PDB file of N, CA and C in Angstrom:
ATOM      1  N   MET A   1      37.344  54.240  89.836  1.00  0.00           N
ATOM      2  CA  MET A   1      37.155  55.307  88.872  1.00  0.00           C
ATOM      3  C   MET A   1      38.349  56.268  88.991  1.00  0.00           C
ATOM      4  N   THR A   2      38.920  56.592  87.862  1.00  0.00           N
ATOM      5  CA  THR A   2      40.098  57.455  87.864  1.00  0.00           C
ATOM      6  C   THR A   2      39.699  58.922  87.986  1.00  0.00           C
ATOM      7  N   GLU A   3      40.692  59.747  88.252  1.00  0.00           N
ATOM      8  CA  GLU A   3      40.471  61.192  88.372  1.00  0.00           C
ATOM      9  C   GLU A   3      39.948  61.770  87.059  1.00  0.00           C
ATOM     10  N   THR A   4      40.514  61.320  85.966  1.00  0.00           N
ATOM     11  CA  THR A   4      40.087  61.806  84.651  1.00  0.00           C
ATOM     12  C   THR A   4      38.644  61.425  84.374  1.00  0.00           C
ATOM     13  N   GLU A   5      38.301  60.190  84.676  1.00  0.00           N
ATOM     14  CA  GLU A   5      36.924  59.744  84.438  1.00  0.00           C
ATOM     15  C   GLU A   5      35.938  60.525  85.302  1.00  0.00           C
ATOM     16  N   ARG A   6      36.297  60.772  86.554  1.00  0.00           N
ATOM     17  CA  ARG A   6      35.429  61.564  87.431  1.00  0.00           C
ATOM     18  C   ARG A   6      35.255  62.982  86.875  1.00  0.00           C
ATOM     19  N   HIS A   7      36.348  63.551  86.371  1.00  0.00           N
ATOM     20  CA  HIS A   7      36.292  64.892  85.811  1.00  0.00           C
ATOM     21  C   HIS A   7      35.392  64.922  84.574  1.00  0.00           C
ATOM     22  N   LEU A   8      35.552  63.936  83.690  1.00  0.00           N
ATOM     23  CA  LEU A   8      34.702  63.872  82.500  1.00  0.00           C
ATOM     24  C   LEU A   8      33.239  63.692  82.870  1.00  0.00           C
ATOM     25  N   ARG A   9      32.971  62.851  83.858  1.00  0.00           N
ATOM     26  CA  ARG A   9      31.581  62.633  84.283  1.00  0.00           C
ATOM     27  C   ARG A   9      30.967  63.914  84.843  1.00  0.00           C
ATOM     28  N   SER A  10      31.779  64.700  85.566  1.00  0.00           N
ATOM     29  CA  SER A  10      31.231  65.949  86.111  1.00  0.00           C
ATOM     30  C   SER A  10      30.979  66.973  84.999  1.00  0.00           C
ATOM     31  N   ILE A  11      31.865  67.012  83.991  1.00  0.00           N
ATOM     32  CA  ILE A  11      31.666  67.939  82.870  1.00  0.00           C
ATOM     33  C   ILE A  11      30.430  67.556  82.064  1.00  0.00           C
ATOM     34  N   LEU A  12      30.278  66.246  81.800  1.00  0.00           N
ATOM     35  CA  LEU A  12      29.161  65.768  80.986  1.00  0.00           C
ATOM     36  C   LEU A  12      27.881  65.566  81.772  1.00  0.00           C
ATOM     37  N   LYS A  13      27.940  65.842  83.068  1.00  0.00           N
ATOM     38  CA  LYS A  13      26.797  65.704  83.973  1.00  0.00           C
ATOM     39  C   LYS A  13      26.231  64.289  83.933  1.00  0.00           C
ATOM     40  N   MET A  14      27.121  63.334  84.067  1.00  0.00           N
ATOM     41  CA  MET A  14      26.731  61.916  84.103  1.00  0.00           C
ATOM     42  C   MET A  14      26.812  61.452  85.552  1.00  0.00           C
ATOM     43  N   ASP A  15      25.699  61.531  86.254  1.00  0.00           N
ATOM     44  CA  ASP A  15      25.674  61.191  87.671  1.00  0.00           C
ATOM     45  C   ASP A  15      25.618  59.692  87.920  1.00  0.00           C
ATOM     46  N   ASN A  16      25.049  58.945  86.985  1.00  0.00           N
ATOM     47  CA  ASN A  16      24.907  57.512  87.148  1.00  0.00           C
ATOM     48  C   ASN A  16      26.241  56.823  86.801  1.00  0.00           C
ATOM     49  N   PRO A  17      26.852  56.090  87.741  1.00  0.00           N
ATOM     50  CA  PRO A  17      28.127  55.430  87.453  1.00  0.00           C
ATOM     51  C   PRO A  17      28.004  54.302  86.432  1.00  0.00           C
ATOM     52  N   LYS A  18      26.777  53.871  86.132  1.00  0.00           N
ATOM     53  CA  LYS A  18      26.591  52.806  85.147  1.00  0.00           C
ATOM     54  C   LYS A  18      26.666  53.346  83.719  1.00  0.00           C
ATOM     55  N   ASP A  19      26.560  54.674  83.554  1.00  0.00           N
ATOM     56  CA  ASP A  19      26.686  55.273  82.219  1.00  0.00           C
ATOM     57  C   ASP A  19      28.122  55.121  81.733  1.00  0.00           C
ATOM     58  N   ASP A  20      28.260  54.761  80.468  1.00  0.00           N
ATOM     59  CA  ASP A  20      29.592  54.600  79.888  1.00  0.00           C
ATOM     60  C   ASP A  20      30.015  55.867  79.169  1.00  0.00           C
ATOM     61  N   ILE A  21      31.313  56.130  79.231  1.00  0.00           N
ATOM     62  CA  ILE A  21      31.892  57.246  78.483  1.00  0.00           C
ATOM     63  C   ILE A  21      32.647  56.651  77.313  1.00  0.00           C
ATOM     64  N   TYR A  22      32.297  57.099  76.135  1.00  0.00           N
ATOM     65  CA  TYR A  22      32.967  56.618  74.925  1.00  0.00           C
ATOM     66  C   TYR A  22      33.359  57.828  74.103  1.00  0.00           C
ATOM     67  N   ILE A  23      34.646  57.984  73.866  1.00  0.00           N
ATOM     68  CA  ILE A  23      35.141  59.107  73.078  1.00  0.00           C
ATOM     69  C   ILE A  23      35.872  58.540  71.881  1.00  0.00           C
ATOM     70  N   GLU A  24      35.433  58.925  70.690  1.00  0.00           N
ATOM     71  CA  GLU A  24      36.083  58.479  69.463  1.00  0.00           C
ATOM     72  C   GLU A  24      36.986  59.593  68.962  1.00  0.00           C
ATOM     73  N   ILE A  25      38.256  59.307  68.856  1.00  0.00           N
ATOM     74  CA  ILE A  25      39.225  60.308  68.430  1.00  0.00           C
ATOM     75  C   ILE A  25      39.337  60.333  66.919  1.00  0.00           C
ATOM     76  N   GLY A  26      39.136  59.233  66.271  1.00  0.00           N
ATOM     77  CA  GLY A  26      39.207  59.185  64.816  1.00  0.00           C
ATOM     78  C   GLY A  26      40.097  58.050  64.352  1.00  0.00           C
ATOM     79  N   ASN A  27      40.117  57.867  63.068  1.00  0.00           N
ATOM     80  CA  ASN A  27      40.902  56.801  62.473  1.00  0.00           C
ATOM     81  C   ASN A  27      42.309  57.320  62.200  1.00  0.00           C
ATOM     82  N   GLU A  28      43.294  56.883  62.977  1.00  0.00           N
ATOM     83  CA  GLU A  28      44.667  57.359  62.843  1.00  0.00           C
ATOM     84  C   GLU A  28      45.245  56.998  61.483  1.00  0.00           C
ATOM     85  N   GLN A  29      44.932  55.820  60.978  1.00  0.00           N
ATOM     86  CA  GLN A  29      45.480  55.397  59.701  1.00  0.00           C
ATOM     87  C   GLN A  29      44.994  56.321  58.586  1.00  0.00           C
ATOM     88  N   ASN A  30      43.729  56.699  58.637  1.00  0.00           N
ATOM     89  CA  ASN A  30      43.171  57.587  57.624  1.00  0.00           C
ATOM     90  C   ASN A  30      43.810  58.972  57.703  1.00  0.00           C
ATOM     91  N   LYS A  31      44.068  59.461  58.911  1.00  0.00           N
ATOM     92  CA  LYS A  31      44.703  60.766  59.065  1.00  0.00           C
ATOM     93  C   LYS A  31      46.117  60.751  58.495  1.00  0.00           C
ATOM     94  N   LYS A  32      46.860  59.680  58.711  1.00  0.00           N
ATOM     95  CA  LYS A  32      48.218  59.593  58.189  1.00  0.00           C
ATOM     96  C   LYS A  32      48.211  59.546  56.671  1.00  0.00           C
ATOM     97  N   ALA A  33      47.272  58.825  56.101  1.00  0.00           N
ATOM     98  CA  ALA A  33      47.196  58.735  54.641  1.00  0.00           C
ATOM     99  C   ALA A  33      46.858  60.102  54.050  1.00  0.00           C
ATOM    100  N   GLN A  34      45.966  60.837  54.681  1.00  0.00           N
ATOM    101  CA  GLN A  34      45.608  62.152  54.177  1.00  0.00           C
ATOM    102  C   GLN A  34      46.776  63.114  54.298  1.00  0.00           C
ATOM    103  N   SER A  35      47.520  63.046  55.403  1.00  0.00           N
ATOM    104  CA  SER A  35      48.633  63.967  55.578  1.00  0.00           C
ATOM    105  C   SER A  35      49.762  63.644  54.604  1.00  0.00           C
ATOM    106  N   PHE A  36      49.932  62.378  54.214  1.00  0.00           N
ATOM    107  CA  PHE A  36      50.960  62.016  53.247  1.00  0.00           C
ATOM    108  C   PHE A  36      50.616  62.536  51.865  1.00  0.00           C
ATOM    109  N   ASP A  37      49.357  62.508  51.511  1.00  0.00           N
ATOM    110  CA  ASP A  37      48.933  62.894  50.163  1.00  0.00           C
ATOM    111  C   ASP A  37      49.072  64.388  49.893  1.00  0.00           C
ATOM    112  N   LYS A  38      49.121  65.225  50.931  1.00  0.00           N
ATOM    113  CA  LYS A  38      49.162  66.662  50.680  1.00  0.00           C
ATOM    114  C   LYS A  38      50.565  67.169  50.354  1.00  0.00           C
ATOM    115  N   TYR A  39      51.598  66.338  50.521  1.00  0.00           N
ATOM    116  CA  TYR A  39      52.955  66.751  50.234  1.00  0.00           C
ATOM    117  C   TYR A  39      53.341  66.404  48.802  1.00  0.00           C
ATOM    118  N   GLU A  40      54.167  67.252  48.202  1.00  0.00           N
ATOM    119  CA  GLU A  40      54.664  66.987  46.867  1.00  0.00           C
ATOM    120  C   GLU A  40      55.908  66.113  46.962  1.00  0.00           C
ATOM    121  N   MET A  41      56.029  65.185  46.043  1.00  0.00           N
ATOM    122  CA  MET A  41      57.200  64.313  45.990  1.00  0.00           C
ATOM    123  C   MET A  41      57.954  64.678  44.726  1.00  0.00           C
ATOM    124  N   LYS A  42      59.162  65.242  44.898  1.00  0.00           N
ATOM    125  CA  LYS A  42      59.958  65.661  43.746  1.00  0.00           C
ATOM    126  C   LYS A  42      61.362  65.086  43.860  1.00  0.00           C
ATOM    127  N   ILE A  43      61.946  64.776  42.707  1.00  0.00           N
ATOM    128  CA  ILE A  43      63.355  64.405  42.636  1.00  0.00           C
ATOM    129  C   ILE A  43      63.927  65.113  41.409  1.00  0.00           C
ATOM    130  N   PHE A  44      64.924  65.936  41.622  1.00  0.00           N
ATOM    131  CA  PHE A  44      65.541  66.747  40.564  1.00  0.00           C
ATOM    132  C   PHE A  44      64.494  67.534  39.771  1.00  0.00           C
ATOM    133  N   PHE A  45      63.624  68.207  40.486  1.00  0.00           N
ATOM    134  CA  PHE A  45      62.601  69.079  39.917  1.00  0.00           C
ATOM    135  C   PHE A  45      61.559  68.325  39.085  1.00  0.00           C
ATOM    136  N   VAL A  46      61.486  67.022  39.208  1.00  0.00           N
ATOM    137  CA  VAL A  46      60.464  66.218  38.523  1.00  0.00           C
ATOM    138  C   VAL A  46      59.420  65.829  39.558  1.00  0.00           C
ATOM    139  N   ASP A  47      58.179  66.194  39.300  1.00  0.00           N
ATOM    140  CA  ASP A  47      57.094  65.931  40.235  1.00  0.00           C
ATOM    141  C   ASP A  47      56.647  64.473  40.125  1.00  0.00           C
ATOM    142  N   LEU A  48      56.737  63.749  41.242  1.00  0.00           N
ATOM    143  CA  LEU A  48      56.322  62.342  41.285  1.00  0.00           C
ATOM    144  C   LEU A  48      55.000  62.151  42.018  1.00  0.00           C
ATOM    145  N   THR A  49      54.326  63.246  42.352  1.00  0.00           N
ATOM    146  CA  THR A  49      53.117  63.177  43.167  1.00  0.00           C
ATOM    147  C   THR A  49      52.008  62.382  42.492  1.00  0.00           C
ATOM    148  N   HIS A  50      51.902  62.458  41.178  1.00  0.00           N
ATOM    149  CA  HIS A  50      50.792  61.781  40.498  1.00  0.00           C
ATOM    150  C   HIS A  50      51.011  60.269  40.378  1.00  0.00           C
ATOM    151  N   PHE A  51      52.217  59.769  40.696  1.00  0.00           N
ATOM    152  CA  PHE A  51      52.465  58.326  40.700  1.00  0.00           C
ATOM    153  C   PHE A  51      51.927  57.706  41.983  1.00  0.00           C
ATOM    154  N   SER A  52      51.689  56.411  41.947  1.00  0.00           N
ATOM    155  CA  SER A  52      51.252  55.715  43.162  1.00  0.00           C
ATOM    156  C   SER A  52      52.423  55.643  44.141  1.00  0.00           C
ATOM    157  N   ARG A  53      52.132  55.294  45.381  1.00  0.00           N
ATOM    158  CA  ARG A  53      53.187  55.191  46.393  1.00  0.00           C
ATOM    159  C   ARG A  53      54.217  54.137  46.019  1.00  0.00           C
ATOM    160  N   THR A  54      53.747  53.033  45.448  1.00  0.00           N
ATOM    161  CA  THR A  54      54.662  51.967  45.041  1.00  0.00           C
ATOM    162  C   THR A  54      55.594  52.451  43.940  1.00  0.00           C
ATOM    163  N   ALA A  55      55.044  53.159  42.956  1.00  0.00           N
ATOM    164  CA  ALA A  55      55.864  53.684  41.866  1.00  0.00           C
ATOM    165  C   ALA A  55      56.858  54.719  42.387  1.00  0.00           C
ATOM    166  N   GLN A  56      56.429  55.575  43.311  1.00  0.00           N
ATOM    167  CA  GLN A  56      57.339  56.553  43.908  1.00  0.00           C
ATOM    168  C   GLN A  56      58.485  55.853  44.620  1.00  0.00           C
ATOM    169  N   PHE A  57      58.162  54.816  45.363  1.00  0.00           N
ATOM    170  CA  PHE A  57      59.181  54.058  46.093  1.00  0.00           C
ATOM    171  C   PHE A  57      60.183  53.442  45.128  1.00  0.00           C
ATOM    172  N   LEU A  58      59.682  52.810  44.071  1.00  0.00           N
ATOM    173  CA  LEU A  58      60.576  52.163  43.108  1.00  0.00           C
ATOM    174  C   LEU A  58      61.446  53.175  42.365  1.00  0.00           C
ATOM    175  N   ILE A  59      60.887  54.307  42.001  1.00  0.00           N
ATOM    176  CA  ILE A  59      61.662  55.346  41.320  1.00  0.00           C
ATOM    177  C   ILE A  59      62.760  55.880  42.229  1.00  0.00           C
ATOM    178  N   LEU A  60      62.438  56.145  43.469  1.00  0.00           N
ATOM    179  CA  LEU A  60      63.435  56.670  44.399  1.00  0.00           C
ATOM    180  C   LEU A  60      64.502  55.628  44.732  1.00  0.00           C
ATOM    181  N   CYS A  61      64.119  54.359  44.845  1.00  0.00           N
ATOM    182  CA  CYS A  61      65.106  53.300  45.077  1.00  0.00           C
ATOM    183  C   CYS A  61      66.055  53.173  43.894  1.00  0.00           C
ATOM    184  N   THR A  62      65.505  53.278  42.696  1.00  0.00           N
ATOM    185  CA  THR A  62      66.338  53.216  41.489  1.00  0.00           C
ATOM    186  C   THR A  62      67.316  54.387  41.455  1.00  0.00           C
ATOM    187  N   ALA A  63      66.865  55.569  41.817  1.00  0.00           N
ATOM    188  CA  ALA A  63      67.739  56.741  41.830  1.00  0.00           C
ATOM    189  C   ALA A  63      68.862  56.570  42.852  1.00  0.00           C
ATOM    190  N   VAL A  64      68.541  56.054  44.031  1.00  0.00           N
ATOM    191  CA  VAL A  64      69.575  55.823  45.054  1.00  0.00           C
ATOM    192  C   VAL A  64      70.586  54.803  44.550  1.00  0.00           C
ATOM    193  N   PHE A  65      70.120  53.728  43.948  1.00  0.00           N
ATOM    194  CA  PHE A  65      71.024  52.704  43.428  1.00  0.00           C
ATOM    195  C   PHE A  65      71.916  53.266  42.321  1.00  0.00           C
ATOM    196  N   PHE A  66      71.343  54.064  41.425  1.00  0.00           N
ATOM    197  CA  PHE A  66      72.104  54.671  40.336  1.00  0.00           C
ATOM    198  C   PHE A  66      73.230  55.551  40.885  1.00  0.00           C
ATOM    199  N   PHE A  67      72.907  56.402  41.850  1.00  0.00           N
ATOM    200  CA  PHE A  67      73.934  57.276  42.407  1.00  0.00           C
ATOM    201  C   PHE A  67      74.941  56.509  43.252  1.00  0.00           C
ATOM    202  N   TYR A  68      74.530  55.401  43.831  1.00  0.00           N
ATOM    203  CA  TYR A  68      75.462  54.534  44.553  1.00  0.00           C
ATOM    204  C   TYR A  68      76.474  53.933  43.574  1.00  0.00           C
ATOM    205  N   LEU A  69      76.029  53.523  42.389  1.00  0.00           N
ATOM    206  CA  LEU A  69      76.938  52.999  41.368  1.00  0.00           C
ATOM    207  C   LEU A  69      77.908  54.075  40.888  1.00  0.00           C
ATOM    208  N   ILE A  70      77.407  55.283  40.661  1.00  0.00           N
ATOM    209  CA  ILE A  70      78.283  56.382  40.243  1.00  0.00           C
ATOM    210  C   ILE A  70      79.319  56.681  41.327  1.00  0.00           C
ATOM    211  N   TYR A  71      78.901  56.694  42.569  1.00  0.00           N
ATOM    212  CA  TYR A  71      79.810  56.936  43.686  1.00  0.00           C
ATOM    213  C   TYR A  71      80.905  55.868  43.726  1.00  0.00           C
ATOM    214  N   GLY A  72      80.523  54.601  43.552  1.00  0.00           N
ATOM    215  CA  GLY A  72      81.505  53.518  43.530  1.00  0.00           C
ATOM    216  C   GLY A  72      82.470  53.640  42.368  1.00  0.00           C
ATOM    217  N   TYR A  73      81.957  54.009  41.202  1.00  0.00           N
ATOM    218  CA  TYR A  73      82.816  54.185  40.039  1.00  0.00           C
ATOM    219  C   TYR A  73      83.819  55.317  40.265  1.00  0.00           C
ATOM    220  N   LEU A  74      83.353  56.421  40.836  1.00  0.00           N
ATOM    221  CA  LEU A  74      84.253  57.542  41.110  1.00  0.00           C
ATOM    222  C   LEU A  74      85.297  57.172  42.155  1.00  0.00           C
ATOM    223  N   GLN A  75      84.989  56.293  43.069  1.00  0.00           N
ATOM    224  CA  GLN A  75      85.964  55.827  44.063  1.00  0.00           C
ATOM    225  C   GLN A  75      87.052  55.009  43.375  1.00  0.00           C
ATOM    226  N   VAL A  76      86.664  54.202  42.379  1.00  0.00           N
ATOM    227  CA  VAL A  76      87.620  53.328  41.706  1.00  0.00           C
ATOM    228  C   VAL A  76      88.560  54.149  40.813  1.00  0.00           C
ATOM    229  N   ILE A  77      88.035  55.112  40.072  1.00  0.00           N
ATOM    230  CA  ILE A  77      88.898  55.848  39.139  1.00  0.00           C
ATOM    231  C   ILE A  77      89.814  56.835  39.848  1.00  0.00           C
ATOM    232  N   ASN A  78      89.544  57.167  41.094  1.00  0.00           N
ATOM    233  CA  ASN A  78      90.391  58.089  41.837  1.00  0.00           C
ATOM    234  C   ASN A  78      91.529  57.383  42.559  1.00  0.00           C
ATOM    235  N   VAL A  79      91.603  56.078  42.482  1.00  0.00           N
ATOM    236  CA  VAL A  79      92.646  55.325  43.194  1.00  0.00           C
ATOM    237  C   VAL A  79      93.942  55.379  42.521  1.00  0.00           C
TER     238      VAL A  79
END
């Protein structure tokens, strides 16, 4: 029996060593999903929050690709 388990047993007044201690912390995946949903997703002052995660991902990937093309074009014309 570990020090932590002994401490928990003394706090919970569990004198019988056959009693099990079970502590449920919660569903981590659900907490992450909830914390993601509370943030606003914006690109150039356009709110993307009402789109699904997949649509947000595709829109942002398209924007990155578009600006990558512009960057490449500006590199070529400055040569």
